[in-house]
Amino acid sequence: MNVAVLGSTGSIGRQALKVIASHPERFRVVGLSAKNSKELLLAQAAEFGAGFVCADNLTQGELPQGVRRSASPSQLLAACGADAVVLAISGVDALKPLMTAIELGLRIAIANKESLVCAGELVQKALRGSGAELIPVDSEQSAIFQCLACGKRGELSRLIITCSGGPFWREKRENLIGIGLDRVLKHPTWSMGRKITLDSATLFNKGLEIIEAARLFNTSADETAVLIHPQSVVHSMAEFKDGTVMANLSMPDMRLPIQYALSYPERMASTVKPLRLEEYGRLEFFPVDEERFPAIAMAYEVLRRGGGAPAVYNAANEVMAYAYIDGKTDFLSIEQGVRYALDTYDNFDTVSELEDVYRADAFGRAAAAAFLNGERS
């Protein structure tokens, strides 16, 4: 299988390349893209023999002989001859290459929440009759994808998405005033980039997954629940109408869902350590306090509102999150900025084209910036 990895220098992209390297008889890298990390991108291209690469600051003159530069991830997909793509680009920048991959009828191992959160209805419409396959890579969505194989859609009662709770789920809100980035980045389970680690601490990451699950699996807000599961062994569950709950359990390692998305419907041997439940002793589950974590309540709200509201939620959180990372606001202001953006957004129109998504995204960013600058209406 010829594979393109978009976002190859990020955490998911690097782990995807590890999966590919462990199965050279099955997978071959034909294209790689990155945002700015051109040195690492070129090293990856040399190691894996990729014929096409793409990065914002990369010129053809910098490339080794036999490697071609593409102007955009979409152009790369159209040129490289991929059968499958690992879509690990962050943010709404993934939307255009996602649509290109659908048009090309590729298998899409999607690790980008934002495209489904902001434009899930458009994505599902494009998928119909395209021949493309959309298989989730996020551990929670991959778990649900696998659990749903045990029953029919009409037999489903609800989805149960698990989360570690991040480093502060036992803390009182008043203890989080002035909390520093160093503590935020000490995630108890996963090793991830700064933005997603912060989102795990605020639970905005889980809010995005609630919306993402609804778009992927055609469920409503009332059919999706969230439980805090500190051990991060049960990655998510599907509850059926007869009361049966199917759960997906494994070691918390992203290589497993990445590999499954590429090998589906087969299961291949993995280099990931097997799960030994006796080493854990107990697995715990706790309800989410939506007053403690307003990101969850807001996610259900925007899922019910529809239209551009999910895009506003995502965009405002992104602006507020990076403002916190850059030391320009405090931890609890992240959710306040998102709340402000949602309260000032009054466009309930259906998202019918990508431009509608980009307008809602721009509104969310502008509203969050106004909040940060004290220019609130």
Protein backbone atom coordinates (compact mmCIF):
# COMPACT_ATOMS: atom_id res chain seq x y z
CA MET A 1 0.00 0.00 0.00
CA ASN A 2 1.37 3.42 -0.99
CA VAL A 3 0.93 5.86 1.89
CA ALA A 4 1.20 9.65 2.13
CA VAL A 5 1.67 11.16 5.60
CA LEU A 6 0.45 14.74 5.86
CA GLY A 7 1.82 16.37 9.00
CA SER A 8 4.69 13.89 9.13
CA THR A 9 6.88 15.89 11.54
CA GLY A 10 4.23 16.11 14.27
CA SER A 11 3.59 13.53 16.99
CA ILE A 12 1.02 11.50 15.04
CA GLY A 13 3.00 11.74 11.81
CA ARG A 14 6.18 10.48 13.44
CA GLN A 15 4.34 7.56 15.02
CA ALA A 16 2.70 6.74 11.69
CA LEU A 17 6.15 6.48 10.15
CA LYS A 18 7.19 4.11 12.94
CA VAL A 19 4.22 1.90 12.09
CA ILE A 20 5.12 1.96 8.41
CA ALA A 21 8.78 1.19 9.19
CA SER A 22 7.73 -1.85 11.22
CA HIS A 23 5.84 -3.30 8.21
CA PRO A 24 7.95 -2.54 5.12
CA GLU A 25 6.41 -5.50 3.35
CA ARG A 26 2.96 -3.84 3.53
CA PHE A 27 3.50 -0.09 3.36
CA ARG A 28 5.57 2.29 1.28
CA VAL A 29 5.85 6.05 1.86
CA VAL A 30 5.25 8.02 -1.34
CA GLY A 31 4.61 11.52 0.02
CA LEU A 32 5.30 13.61 3.13
CA SER A 33 4.19 17.08 4.18
CA ALA A 34 5.00 19.40 7.06
CA LYS A 35 4.29 22.98 8.00
CA ASN A 36 7.73 24.42 8.73
CA SER A 37 10.05 21.63 9.94
CA LYS A 38 11.82 21.19 6.62
CA GLU A 39 15.03 19.69 8.04
CA LEU A 40 13.14 16.85 9.70
CA LEU A 41 10.91 16.49 6.64
CA LEU A 42 13.91 16.07 4.35
CA ALA A 43 15.46 13.56 6.73
CA GLN A 44 12.20 11.57 6.71
CA ALA A 45 12.03 11.70 2.92
CA ALA A 46 15.58 10.36 2.68
CA GLU A 47 14.90 7.58 5.20
CA PHE A 48 11.64 6.41 3.65
CA GLY A 49 12.32 7.16 0.00
CA ALA A 50 9.37 9.51 -0.44
CA GLY A 51 9.19 10.91 -3.95
CA PHE A 52 7.04 13.96 -3.11
CA VAL A 53 7.34 16.45 -0.23
CA CYS A 54 5.62 19.66 0.78
CA ALA A 55 6.48 22.40 3.31
CA ASP A 56 5.77 26.12 3.37
CA ASN A 57 9.41 27.24 3.39
CA LEU A 58 10.85 24.54 1.14
CA THR A 59 12.27 25.19 -2.34
CA GLN A 60 12.95 22.70 -5.13
CA GLY A 61 16.65 23.56 -4.96
CA GLU A 62 16.89 22.16 -1.43
CA LEU A 63 15.62 18.73 -2.44
CA PRO A 64 17.74 15.66 -3.16
CA GLN A 65 17.74 14.32 -6.67
CA GLY A 66 14.58 12.41 -7.49
CA VAL A 67 12.41 14.17 -4.89
CA ARG A 68 9.76 16.60 -6.11
CA ARG A 69 8.25 19.52 -4.25
CA SER A 70 4.48 19.99 -4.19
CA ALA A 71 2.96 23.42 -3.64
CA SER A 72 0.30 22.16 -1.23
CA PRO A 73 -0.76 18.95 0.54
CA SER A 74 -3.67 18.65 -1.89
CA GLN A 75 -1.32 18.87 -4.87
CA LEU A 76 0.94 16.28 -3.25
CA LEU A 77 -1.95 13.83 -2.89
CA ALA A 78 -2.95 14.31 -6.51
CA ALA A 79 0.61 13.64 -7.72
CA CYS A 80 2.17 11.00 -5.45
CA GLY A 81 0.05 7.95 -6.30
CA ALA A 82 -1.03 7.19 -2.73
CA ASP A 83 -3.57 4.51 -1.90
CA ALA A 84 -3.96 5.82 1.63
CA VAL A 85 -3.20 9.00 3.55
CA VAL A 86 -2.53 9.58 7.23
CA LEU A 87 -4.10 13.00 7.75
CA ALA A 88 -2.27 14.47 10.74
CA ILE A 89 -2.38 18.15 9.77
CA SER A 90 -3.78 20.23 12.63
CA GLY A 91 -6.64 22.70 12.48
CA VAL A 92 -8.90 23.63 9.59
CA ASP A 93 -5.86 23.55 7.28
CA ALA A 94 -6.69 19.84 6.93
CA LEU A 95 -10.03 20.52 5.23
CA LYS A 96 -8.83 21.00 1.65
CA PRO A 97 -6.50 17.97 1.60
CA LEU A 98 -9.26 15.92 3.23
CA MET A 99 -11.66 16.84 0.46
CA THR A 100 -8.97 16.08 -2.13
CA ALA A 101 -8.38 12.66 -0.58
CA ILE A 102 -12.11 11.95 -0.76
CA GLU A 103 -12.25 13.01 -4.41
CA LEU A 104 -9.34 10.67 -5.14
CA GLY A 105 -11.12 7.76 -3.41
CA LEU A 106 -8.31 7.14 -0.91
CA ARG A 107 -8.33 5.41 2.42
CA ILE A 108 -8.09 8.28 4.92
CA ALA A 109 -6.61 7.53 8.36
CA ILE A 110 -7.82 10.74 9.94
CA ALA A 111 -6.17 12.16 13.03
CA ASN A 112 -7.60 15.65 12.57
CA LYS A 113 -10.59 16.46 14.77
CA GLU A 114 -11.15 19.98 13.52
CA SER A 115 -12.17 19.09 9.97
CA LEU A 116 -14.94 16.81 11.24
CA VAL A 117 -15.97 19.18 14.02
CA CYS A 118 -16.23 22.18 11.70
CA ALA A 119 -17.36 20.55 8.46
CA GLY A 120 -18.55 17.07 9.37
CA GLU A 121 -21.77 17.31 7.37
CA LEU A 122 -19.88 18.43 4.25
CA VAL A 123 -17.36 15.63 4.71
CA GLN A 124 -20.04 12.98 5.03
CA LYS A 125 -21.84 14.34 1.96
CA ALA A 126 -18.60 14.21 -0.05
CA LEU A 127 -17.92 10.64 1.11
CA ARG A 128 -21.20 9.29 -0.27
CA GLY A 129 -20.47 7.49 -3.51
CA SER A 130 -16.81 8.57 -3.56
CA GLY A 131 -15.22 5.18 -2.90
CA ALA A 132 -13.08 6.78 -0.18
CA GLU A 133 -12.80 5.24 3.29
CA LEU A 134 -12.65 7.42 6.40
CA ILE A 135 -11.14 5.54 9.34
CA PRO A 136 -10.43 7.40 12.59
CA VAL A 137 -7.01 7.41 14.21
CA ASP A 138 -7.82 9.23 17.46
CA SER A 139 -7.72 6.51 20.10
CA GLU A 140 -11.28 7.22 21.27
CA GLN A 141 -12.83 7.31 17.82
CA SER A 142 -10.87 4.25 16.69
CA ALA A 143 -12.16 2.43 19.75
CA ILE A 144 -15.76 3.33 18.90
CA PHE A 145 -15.20 2.34 15.26
CA GLN A 146 -14.04 -1.08 16.41
CA CYS A 147 -16.78 -1.52 19.01
CA LEU A 148 -19.52 -0.69 16.52
CA ALA A 149 -18.46 -3.69 14.46
CA CYS A 150 -20.17 -5.77 17.17
CA GLY A 151 -23.65 -4.51 16.36
CA LYS A 152 -25.85 -2.64 13.90
CA ARG A 153 -26.33 1.13 13.97
CA GLY A 154 -30.02 0.71 14.83
CA GLU A 155 -29.05 -1.36 17.88
CA LEU A 156 -26.84 1.36 19.37
CA SER A 157 -27.99 3.03 22.57
CA ARG A 158 -25.11 5.44 23.17
CA LEU A 159 -21.41 6.03 22.75
CA ILE A 160 -19.24 6.36 25.84
CA ILE A 161 -16.08 8.37 25.27
CA THR A 162 -13.40 8.03 27.92
CA CYS A 163 -10.80 10.58 28.95
CA SER A 164 -7.92 10.58 31.39
CA GLY A 165 -9.18 13.80 32.94
CA GLY A 166 -5.78 15.40 32.50
CA PRO A 167 -3.66 16.55 35.43
CA PHE A 168 -6.33 18.61 37.23
CA TRP A 169 -9.59 16.68 37.24
CA ARG A 170 -9.46 16.23 41.01
CA GLU A 171 -8.54 19.88 41.63
CA LYS A 172 -11.01 22.53 42.75
CA ARG A 173 -11.46 25.41 40.34
CA GLU A 174 -10.04 27.93 42.77
CA ASN A 175 -6.77 25.98 42.81
CA LEU A 176 -6.37 26.55 39.06
CA ILE A 177 -6.19 30.32 39.26
CA GLY A 178 -2.78 31.29 37.94
CA ILE A 179 -1.80 27.68 37.16
CA GLY A 180 1.45 27.54 35.19
CA LEU A 181 2.11 25.92 31.83
CA ASP A 182 4.74 23.62 33.35
CA ARG A 183 2.05 21.88 35.41
CA VAL A 184 -0.42 21.82 32.52
CA LEU A 185 2.05 19.95 30.33
CA LYS A 186 2.57 17.14 32.86
CA HIS A 187 -0.07 14.84 31.42
CA PRO A 188 -0.50 11.72 33.56
CA THR A 189 -0.79 9.26 30.65
CA TRP A 190 -0.06 10.52 27.15
CA SER A 191 2.98 12.19 25.59
CA MET A 192 1.62 14.79 23.16
CA GLY A 193 2.23 18.27 21.77
CA ARG A 194 1.61 21.36 23.91
CA LYS A 195 -1.73 22.38 22.39
CA ILE A 196 -3.40 18.97 22.68
CA THR A 197 -1.94 18.47 26.17
CA LEU A 198 -3.46 21.80 27.22
CA ASP A 199 -6.78 20.80 25.61
CA SER A 200 -6.65 17.61 27.67
CA ALA A 201 -6.27 19.68 30.84
CA THR A 202 -9.25 21.91 30.00
CA LEU A 203 -11.18 19.01 28.44
CA PHE A 204 -11.69 21.00 25.23
CA ASN A 205 -10.06 18.03 23.55
CA LYS A 206 -12.89 15.85 24.82
CA GLY A 207 -15.46 18.45 23.80
CA LEU A 208 -14.13 18.32 20.26
CA GLU A 209 -14.32 14.52 20.37
CA ILE A 210 -17.99 14.64 21.36
CA ILE A 211 -18.74 16.63 18.22
CA GLU A 212 -16.34 14.53 16.13
CA ALA A 213 -18.03 11.30 17.22
CA ALA A 214 -21.45 12.65 16.29
CA ARG A 215 -20.17 13.50 12.80
CA LEU A 216 -18.33 10.23 12.31
CA PHE A 217 -21.01 7.89 13.59
CA ASN A 218 -24.22 9.87 12.96
CA THR A 219 -25.20 10.20 16.60
CA SER A 220 -26.84 13.01 18.56
CA ALA A 221 -25.71 14.82 21.68
CA ASP A 222 -28.09 12.67 23.73
CA GLU A 223 -26.41 9.50 22.42
CA THR A 224 -22.91 10.49 23.56
CA ALA A 225 -21.55 10.35 27.11
CA VAL A 226 -18.13 11.07 28.60
CA LEU A 227 -16.45 9.30 31.53
CA ILE A 228 -13.16 10.11 33.23
CA HIS A 229 -10.96 7.02 33.19
CA PRO A 230 -7.56 7.87 34.70
CA GLN A 231 -5.82 4.65 33.65
CA SER A 232 -6.48 5.35 29.90
CA VAL A 233 -6.76 1.61 29.18
CA VAL A 234 -10.40 1.60 28.04
CA HIS A 235 -10.29 3.92 25.05
CA SER A 236 -14.06 4.18 24.55
CA MET A 237 -17.19 2.05 24.54
CA ALA A 238 -20.42 1.41 22.67
CA GLU A 239 -23.59 0.57 24.59
CA PHE A 240 -26.28 -1.36 22.74
CA LYS A 241 -30.01 -1.49 23.35
CA ASP A 242 -29.90 -4.88 25.03
CA GLY A 243 -27.60 -3.43 27.72
CA THR A 244 -24.39 -4.92 26.33
CA VAL A 245 -21.39 -2.60 26.46
CA MET A 246 -18.49 -3.28 24.12
CA ALA A 247 -15.17 -1.72 25.13
CA ASN A 248 -11.84 -1.36 23.37
CA LEU A 249 -8.85 -1.90 25.66
CA SER A 250 -5.14 -1.64 24.93
CA MET A 251 -2.00 0.03 26.13
CA PRO A 252 -2.20 3.82 25.61
CA ASP A 253 -0.09 3.96 22.46
CA MET A 254 -1.15 5.81 19.31
CA ARG A 255 0.65 3.35 17.06
CA LEU A 256 -2.20 0.87 17.57
CA PRO A 257 -5.06 2.97 16.12
CA ILE A 258 -2.76 4.24 13.36
CA GLN A 259 -1.84 0.69 12.36
CA TYR A 260 -5.44 -0.49 12.49
CA ALA A 261 -6.58 2.36 10.25
CA LEU A 262 -3.99 1.35 7.66
CA SER A 263 -4.47 -2.43 7.90
CA TYR A 264 -8.28 -2.54 8.37
CA PRO A 265 -10.06 -4.94 8.26
CA GLU A 266 -6.98 -7.03 9.05
CA ARG A 267 -5.07 -6.98 12.33
CA MET A 268 -1.31 -7.21 12.09
CA ALA A 269 1.34 -7.97 14.68
CA SER A 270 2.46 -4.89 16.58
CA THR A 271 5.58 -3.79 18.43
CA VAL A 272 3.39 -2.22 21.13
CA LYS A 273 3.57 -3.92 24.54
CA PRO A 274 0.51 -6.15 25.09
CA LEU A 275 -1.98 -5.07 27.74
CA ARG A 276 -1.74 -7.02 31.01
CA LEU A 277 -4.75 -6.12 33.14
CA GLU A 278 -3.29 -7.83 36.21
CA GLU A 279 -0.64 -5.12 36.27
CA TYR A 280 -3.31 -2.45 36.79
CA GLY A 281 -5.30 -4.00 39.61
CA ARG A 282 -8.33 -1.81 38.99
CA LEU A 283 -9.88 0.35 36.31
CA GLU A 284 -11.80 3.42 37.48
CA PHE A 285 -14.54 5.51 35.90
CA PHE A 286 -15.95 8.83 37.09
CA PRO A 287 -18.60 11.22 35.75
CA VAL A 288 -17.49 14.56 34.37
CA ASP A 289 -18.44 17.62 36.42
CA GLU A 290 -19.66 19.98 33.70
CA GLU A 291 -19.45 22.96 36.05
CA ARG A 292 -15.81 22.12 36.69
CA PHE A 293 -15.24 21.56 32.96
CA PRO A 294 -17.42 24.03 31.00
CA ALA A 295 -15.80 22.83 27.75
CA ILE A 296 -18.00 19.72 27.88
CA ALA A 297 -21.27 21.59 28.41
CA MET A 298 -20.35 23.98 25.59
CA ALA A 299 -19.59 21.06 23.26
CA TYR A 300 -23.06 19.62 23.77
CA GLU A 301 -24.51 23.10 23.24
CA VAL A 302 -22.78 23.70 19.90
CA LEU A 303 -23.60 20.19 18.71
CA ARG A 304 -27.27 20.94 19.27
CA ARG A 305 -27.00 24.43 17.72
CA GLY A 306 -25.24 23.14 14.61
CA GLY A 307 -24.43 25.40 11.69
CA GLY A 308 -21.19 27.26 12.24
CA ALA A 309 -21.26 27.02 16.04
CA PRO A 310 -18.84 24.04 16.24
CA ALA A 311 -16.34 25.95 14.07
CA VAL A 312 -16.63 28.97 16.37
CA TYR A 313 -16.05 26.72 19.41
CA ASN A 314 -12.95 25.18 17.85
CA ALA A 315 -11.47 28.44 16.55
CA ALA A 316 -12.00 30.41 19.75
CA ASN A 317 -10.43 27.63 21.80
CA GLU A 318 -7.43 27.54 19.50
CA VAL A 319 -6.83 31.29 19.87
CA MET A 320 -7.30 31.18 23.64
CA ALA A 321 -5.12 28.09 24.02
CA TYR A 322 -2.17 29.57 22.16
CA ALA A 323 -2.60 32.84 24.06
CA TYR A 324 -2.20 30.88 27.28
CA ILE A 325 0.78 28.94 25.94
CA ASP A 326 2.38 32.28 24.99
CA GLY A 327 1.75 33.71 28.46
CA LYS A 328 -0.87 36.23 27.29
CA THR A 329 -3.80 34.98 29.37
CA ASP A 330 -4.50 32.72 32.33
CA PHE A 331 -5.74 29.14 32.42
CA LEU A 332 -9.36 29.76 33.39
CA SER A 333 -9.73 32.54 30.81
CA ILE A 334 -9.50 29.95 28.02
CA GLU A 335 -13.03 28.73 28.60
CA GLN A 336 -14.27 32.29 29.27
CA GLY A 337 -13.02 33.41 25.86
CA VAL A 338 -14.77 30.52 24.14
CA ARG A 339 -17.96 31.28 26.05
CA TYR A 340 -17.77 34.88 24.89
CA ALA A 341 -17.34 33.83 21.24
CA LEU A 342 -20.35 31.51 21.39
CA ASP A 343 -22.51 34.12 23.12
CA THR A 344 -21.79 36.69 20.41
CA TYR A 345 -22.29 34.28 17.48
CA ASP A 346 -25.82 34.44 16.09
CA ASN A 347 -25.48 32.73 12.70
CA PHE A 348 -27.46 29.50 12.78
CA ASP A 349 -27.31 28.90 9.03
CA THR A 350 -26.54 25.42 7.79
CA VAL A 351 -22.97 24.96 6.65
CA SER A 352 -23.41 24.23 2.95
CA GLU A 353 -19.90 24.90 1.60
CA LEU A 354 -16.35 25.28 2.85
CA GLU A 355 -16.57 29.07 2.75
CA ASP A 356 -19.27 28.89 5.42
CA VAL A 357 -16.85 26.96 7.63
CA TYR A 358 -14.07 29.49 7.05
CA ARG A 359 -16.39 32.40 7.90
CA ALA A 360 -17.43 30.77 11.19
CA ASP A 361 -13.80 29.97 11.93
CA ALA A 362 -12.81 33.60 11.29
CA PHE A 363 -15.62 34.81 13.54
CA GLY A 364 -14.46 32.57 16.39
CA ARG A 365 -10.88 33.79 16.06
CA ALA A 366 -11.90 37.43 15.93
CA ALA A 367 -14.21 37.09 18.93
CA ALA A 368 -11.50 35.38 21.00
CA ALA A 369 -9.02 38.09 20.01
CA ALA A 370 -11.52 40.76 21.06
CA PHE A 371 -11.93 39.01 24.40
CA LEU A 372 -8.18 38.95 24.91
CA ASN A 373 -7.86 42.63 23.97
CA GLY A 374 -10.73 43.71 26.20
CA GLU A 375 -12.78 44.83 23.18
CA ARG A 376 -15.93 43.02 24.18
CA SER A 377 -19.33 44.07 22.88
